[in-house]
Protein backbone atom coordinates (compact mmCIF):
# COMPACT_ATOMS: atom_id res chain seq x y z
CA MET A 1 21.99 -18.20 -1.62
CA GLU A 2 21.80 -14.54 -2.48
CA GLY A 3 20.80 -13.96 -6.10
CA VAL A 4 19.66 -17.57 -6.60
CA LYS A 5 16.04 -18.68 -6.98
CA VAL A 6 15.20 -22.33 -7.56
CA PHE A 7 11.83 -23.83 -8.46
CA MET A 8 11.72 -27.59 -8.94
CA ASP A 9 14.36 -28.28 -11.63
CA GLU A 10 14.86 -24.68 -12.75
CA ALA A 11 17.26 -22.13 -11.30
CA ARG A 12 17.58 -18.41 -11.93
CA ILE A 13 20.81 -16.68 -10.92
CA THR A 14 20.88 -12.88 -10.91
CA GLY A 15 23.11 -9.98 -9.91
CA SER A 16 22.93 -6.21 -9.88
CA ASP A 17 26.26 -6.06 -11.75
CA GLU A 18 28.82 -8.42 -13.33
CA ILE A 19 30.77 -8.96 -10.10
CA SER A 20 27.72 -9.93 -8.03
CA HIS A 21 26.46 -12.08 -10.90
CA PHE A 22 29.75 -13.97 -11.15
CA THR A 23 29.78 -14.43 -7.37
CA ALA A 24 26.26 -15.89 -7.39
CA LEU A 25 27.15 -18.20 -10.29
CA GLU A 26 30.27 -19.48 -8.56
CA GLU A 27 28.38 -20.14 -5.33
CA PHE A 28 25.61 -21.94 -7.22
CA PHE A 29 28.04 -24.17 -9.14
CA LYS A 30 29.88 -24.91 -5.90
CA LYS A 31 26.68 -26.08 -4.20
CA CYS A 32 25.73 -28.22 -7.20
CA ARG A 33 29.16 -29.87 -7.15
CA GLU A 34 28.98 -30.49 -3.39
CA HIS A 35 25.64 -32.26 -3.72
CA GLY A 36 26.43 -34.14 -6.92
CA LEU A 37 23.91 -32.29 -9.10
CA LYS A 38 24.43 -32.31 -12.86
CA LEU A 39 23.38 -29.39 -15.07
CA ASN A 40 22.22 -29.55 -18.69
CA LEU A 41 24.44 -27.12 -20.60
CA ASN A 42 22.20 -27.23 -23.69
CA LYS A 43 19.28 -25.89 -21.66
CA SER A 44 21.36 -23.26 -19.88
CA LYS A 45 21.56 -19.60 -20.85
CA PHE A 46 24.07 -17.15 -19.45
CA PHE A 47 24.26 -13.34 -19.15
CA GLN A 48 20.75 -12.63 -20.41
CA ASN A 49 19.39 -9.08 -20.22
CA GLU A 50 15.91 -10.47 -19.66
CA ILE A 51 14.37 -13.86 -18.88
CA ASN A 52 10.95 -15.48 -18.83
CA PHE A 53 10.14 -17.16 -15.56
CA PHE A 54 6.87 -18.46 -14.20
CA GLY A 55 4.74 -16.59 -16.72
CA HIS A 56 6.59 -13.29 -16.28
CA ARG A 57 9.22 -11.44 -18.26
CA ILE A 58 11.89 -10.07 -15.95
CA ASP A 59 14.49 -7.44 -16.82
CA SER A 60 16.34 -4.58 -15.14
CA LYS A 61 13.19 -2.42 -15.13
CA GLY A 62 11.04 -4.89 -13.28
CA LEU A 63 8.34 -7.50 -13.74
CA HIS A 64 6.36 -7.61 -17.01
CA LYS A 65 3.43 -9.65 -18.28
CA THR A 66 4.09 -12.04 -21.17
CA ASN A 67 2.28 -11.84 -24.51
CA GLU A 68 1.23 -15.47 -24.21
CA LYS A 69 -0.60 -14.94 -20.92
CA ILE A 70 -2.10 -11.65 -22.10
CA SER A 71 -3.47 -13.32 -25.26
CA ALA A 72 -5.12 -16.04 -23.19
CA VAL A 73 -7.12 -13.39 -21.31
CA VAL A 74 -7.82 -11.10 -24.27
CA ASN A 75 -9.03 -13.95 -26.49
CA ALA A 76 -11.20 -15.52 -23.80
CA PRO A 77 -14.87 -15.70 -24.93
CA VAL A 78 -17.80 -14.49 -22.86
CA SER A 79 -18.48 -17.02 -20.11
CA LYS A 80 -21.62 -19.13 -20.49
CA ASN A 81 -21.61 -20.79 -17.06
CA VAL A 82 -20.05 -20.58 -13.59
CA HIS A 83 -17.22 -22.95 -14.49
CA GLU A 84 -16.14 -20.69 -17.38
CA VAL A 85 -16.34 -17.61 -15.14
CA LYS A 86 -14.05 -19.27 -12.60
CA SER A 87 -11.61 -20.27 -15.35
CA PHE A 88 -11.50 -16.71 -16.67
CA LEU A 89 -10.97 -15.24 -13.20
CA GLY A 90 -8.20 -17.77 -12.62
CA LEU A 91 -6.37 -16.48 -15.70
CA VAL A 92 -6.89 -12.89 -14.60
CA ASN A 93 -5.81 -13.40 -10.98
CA PHE A 94 -2.47 -14.75 -12.18
CA TYR A 95 -1.68 -11.14 -13.14
CA GLY A 96 -3.74 -9.60 -10.35
CA LYS A 97 -0.72 -7.79 -8.90
CA PHE A 98 -0.58 -5.69 -12.10
CA CYS A 99 -4.23 -4.62 -11.92
CA GLU A 100 -5.32 -1.76 -9.73
CA ASN A 101 -8.63 -2.32 -7.90
CA LEU A 102 -9.09 -5.72 -9.54
CA ALA A 103 -11.43 -7.11 -6.88
CA THR A 104 -13.72 -4.09 -7.27
CA ILE A 105 -13.71 -4.25 -11.07
CA ALA A 106 -14.36 -8.01 -11.10
CA ASN A 107 -17.09 -7.88 -8.45
CA PRO A 108 -19.99 -8.59 -10.89
CA LEU A 109 -18.15 -11.69 -12.12
CA ASN A 110 -17.22 -12.83 -8.62
CA ASN A 111 -20.89 -12.57 -7.62
CA LEU A 112 -21.77 -15.11 -10.33
CA THR A 113 -19.60 -17.71 -8.59
CA LYS A 114 -21.44 -17.48 -5.26
CA LYS A 115 -23.76 -20.23 -4.06
CA ASN A 116 -27.49 -19.93 -4.75
CA VAL A 117 -26.93 -17.15 -7.32
CA ARG A 118 -28.72 -17.53 -10.66
CA PHE A 119 -26.32 -17.31 -13.59
CA LEU A 120 -27.17 -14.23 -15.61
CA TRP A 121 -24.61 -12.42 -17.76
CA SER A 122 -25.74 -8.85 -17.14
CA LYS A 123 -24.58 -5.55 -18.58
CA ASP A 124 -22.43 -5.03 -15.47
CA CYS A 125 -20.77 -8.40 -16.11
CA GLN A 126 -19.98 -7.42 -19.70
CA VAL A 127 -18.55 -4.06 -18.60
CA ALA A 128 -16.38 -5.78 -15.98
CA PHE A 129 -15.30 -8.40 -18.53
CA GLU A 130 -14.14 -5.74 -21.00
CA GLN A 131 -12.54 -3.53 -18.34
CA ILE A 132 -10.53 -6.47 -17.00
CA LYS A 133 -9.18 -7.17 -20.48
CA GLU A 134 -8.15 -3.51 -20.82
CA GLU A 135 -6.32 -3.69 -17.48
CA ILE A 136 -4.49 -6.86 -18.50
CA CYS A 137 -3.40 -5.24 -21.79
CA SER A 138 -2.03 -2.13 -20.06
CA PRO A 139 1.78 -1.74 -20.19
CA LYS A 140 2.16 -1.57 -16.40
CA VAL A 141 5.47 -2.74 -14.98
CA LEU A 142 6.12 -3.66 -11.35
CA VAL A 143 9.55 -2.39 -10.34
CA HIS A 144 11.92 -4.59 -8.37
CA TYR A 145 11.61 -4.28 -4.61
CA ASP A 146 14.28 -2.06 -3.11
CA PRO A 147 14.52 -2.10 0.71
CA ASN A 148 16.46 1.17 0.60
CA LEU A 149 13.61 3.17 -0.94
CA PRO A 150 10.77 4.65 1.16
CA LEU A 151 7.37 3.03 0.65
CA THR A 152 3.88 4.46 0.48
CA LEU A 153 0.97 2.13 1.28
CA ALA A 154 -2.21 3.52 -0.30
CA SER A 155 -5.66 2.19 0.66
CA ASP A 156 -8.84 2.77 -1.33
CA ALA A 157 -12.11 2.28 0.53
CA SER A 158 -14.64 0.17 -1.36
CA PRO A 159 -17.91 -1.40 -0.22
CA VAL A 160 -17.15 -4.65 -2.07
CA SER A 161 -13.41 -5.23 -1.75
CA PHE A 162 -10.12 -4.26 -0.10
CA GLU A 163 -7.63 -2.45 -2.35
CA PHE A 164 -4.03 -1.56 -1.49
CA ASP A 165 -1.10 -0.21 -3.50
CA ILE A 166 2.52 -0.52 -2.40
CA ILE A 167 4.37 2.37 -4.04
CA PHE A 168 8.02 3.37 -4.02
CA ARG A 169 8.62 7.06 -3.36
CA LYS A 170 11.67 8.29 -5.22
CA THR A 171 11.84 12.09 -5.16
CA ILE A 172 8.63 13.19 -6.95
CA GLU A 173 8.32 9.94 -8.89
CA HIS A 174 6.05 7.18 -7.61
CA ARG A 175 6.51 3.67 -8.98
CA ASN A 176 4.30 0.71 -8.19
CA ALA A 177 5.83 -2.26 -6.42
CA ASP A 178 2.58 -4.21 -6.09
CA PHE A 179 -1.20 -3.97 -6.24
CA LEU A 180 -3.01 -5.90 -3.50
CA SER A 181 -6.68 -6.62 -3.99
CA ARG A 182 -9.08 -9.12 -2.47
CA LEU A 183 -12.72 -9.70 -1.62
CA PRO A 184 -13.85 -9.57 2.00
CA LYS A 185 -14.39 -12.81 3.89
CA THR A 186 -17.93 -13.71 4.96
CA SER A 187 -17.25 -12.67 8.57
CA GLU A 188 -15.94 -9.32 7.33
CA GLU A 189 -19.02 -8.75 5.16
CA LEU A 190 -21.22 -9.15 8.23
CA GLU A 191 -19.14 -6.86 10.42
CA VAL A 192 -20.31 -3.30 11.00
CA LYS A 193 -17.87 -0.86 9.45
CA ASP A 194 -18.24 2.62 10.93
CA ASP A 195 -15.01 3.63 9.20
CA ILE A 196 -14.31 1.35 6.24
CA THR A 197 -10.90 2.90 5.53
CA ILE A 198 -9.57 2.09 8.99
CA PHE A 199 -11.21 -1.32 8.79
CA GLN A 200 -9.43 -1.96 5.50
CA MET A 201 -6.06 -1.02 6.94
CA SER A 202 -6.64 -3.53 9.73
CA GLN A 203 -7.07 -6.31 7.16
CA ILE A 204 -3.55 -6.12 5.72
CA GLU A 205 -2.22 -9.59 6.40
CA ALA A 206 1.48 -9.02 5.70
CA LEU A 207 3.11 -5.61 5.68
CA PRO A 208 6.55 -5.06 4.11
CA VAL A 209 7.27 -2.64 6.98
CA THR A 210 6.74 -2.67 10.73
CA SER A 211 3.83 -0.93 12.43
CA LYS A 212 6.28 1.55 13.98
CA GLU A 213 7.68 2.49 10.57
CA LEU A 214 4.16 2.81 9.20
CA ARG A 215 3.19 5.23 12.00
CA GLN A 216 6.33 7.30 11.40
CA GLU A 217 5.72 7.57 7.66
CA THR A 218 2.03 8.31 8.21
CA GLY A 219 3.01 11.27 10.38
CA LYS A 220 5.22 12.63 7.59
CA ASP A 221 2.43 12.50 5.01
CA ILE A 222 0.53 15.82 4.85
CA GLU A 223 -2.94 14.38 4.27
CA LEU A 224 -2.59 11.29 6.43
CA GLY A 225 -0.89 13.30 9.15
CA SER A 226 -3.86 15.67 9.28
CA LEU A 227 -6.27 12.72 9.38
CA LEU A 228 -4.30 11.09 12.16
CA LYS A 229 -4.32 14.32 14.17
CA ALA A 230 -8.09 14.65 13.74
CA LEU A 231 -8.63 11.08 14.83
CA ARG A 232 -6.46 11.58 17.90
CA GLU A 233 -8.24 14.74 18.94
CA GLY A 234 -11.84 14.15 17.95
CA LYS A 235 -12.79 10.53 17.42
CA ASP A 236 -13.23 7.94 20.12
CA LEU A 237 -11.69 4.79 18.65
CA GLN A 238 -12.13 1.41 20.28
CA GLY A 239 -10.57 -2.03 19.84
CA ARG A 240 -8.31 -2.67 16.88
CA GLU A 241 -9.08 0.74 15.33
CA ALA A 242 -7.26 2.38 18.23
CA GLN A 243 -3.93 0.82 17.26
CA TYR A 244 -3.62 3.17 14.30
CA THR A 245 -3.62 6.24 16.54
CA ASN A 246 -1.29 5.03 19.29
């Protein structure tokens, strides 16, 4: 149902305005009645300007972090073993979509969790630990996805991770819709990367747009358009790299 999200025994009904909200509510109540589901009125809240759901605060502006989750990260002590490092990274990754270049920043900590690596809390680990906490405390908001707005997919080449930003372009204002960040798989670490930027683009597992739309928008971008032209005219691309110039 449009405007209705259900997780286990909780339901969230939304609408862009009062009419759409009433419509979603009526449809939801109708379905509950048809299937004999009973609702607890005492636990129900109606016409809220913002709600907390799944560790996030959601309002008309977008998706926010909650103070409770932020405090858990900020108050976390320095890790003394691999298990504590993994627990800390688990807390951080919950809000990973809010953190730009998280996989790169957290690389020293991720290295501690690898097999046959001696646990040593180095200066780099401490710097990463503190920088992650700063990122989590930042007031970044992820705006609601709007299929009617043009998107920019930005890729940042890094020798240790893959970083992508999905950004809405609205006149001269750019607003983040999501930060995507992950470490390379073992097979990817071993692969020769003559052009790491193109390699990164090939690793995007799920695009919010089609490849055709991506090519069209790339051609409109001044910098990317120039790069694409240079690749077409001067670089001999083979295999999967070639798909980005077709």
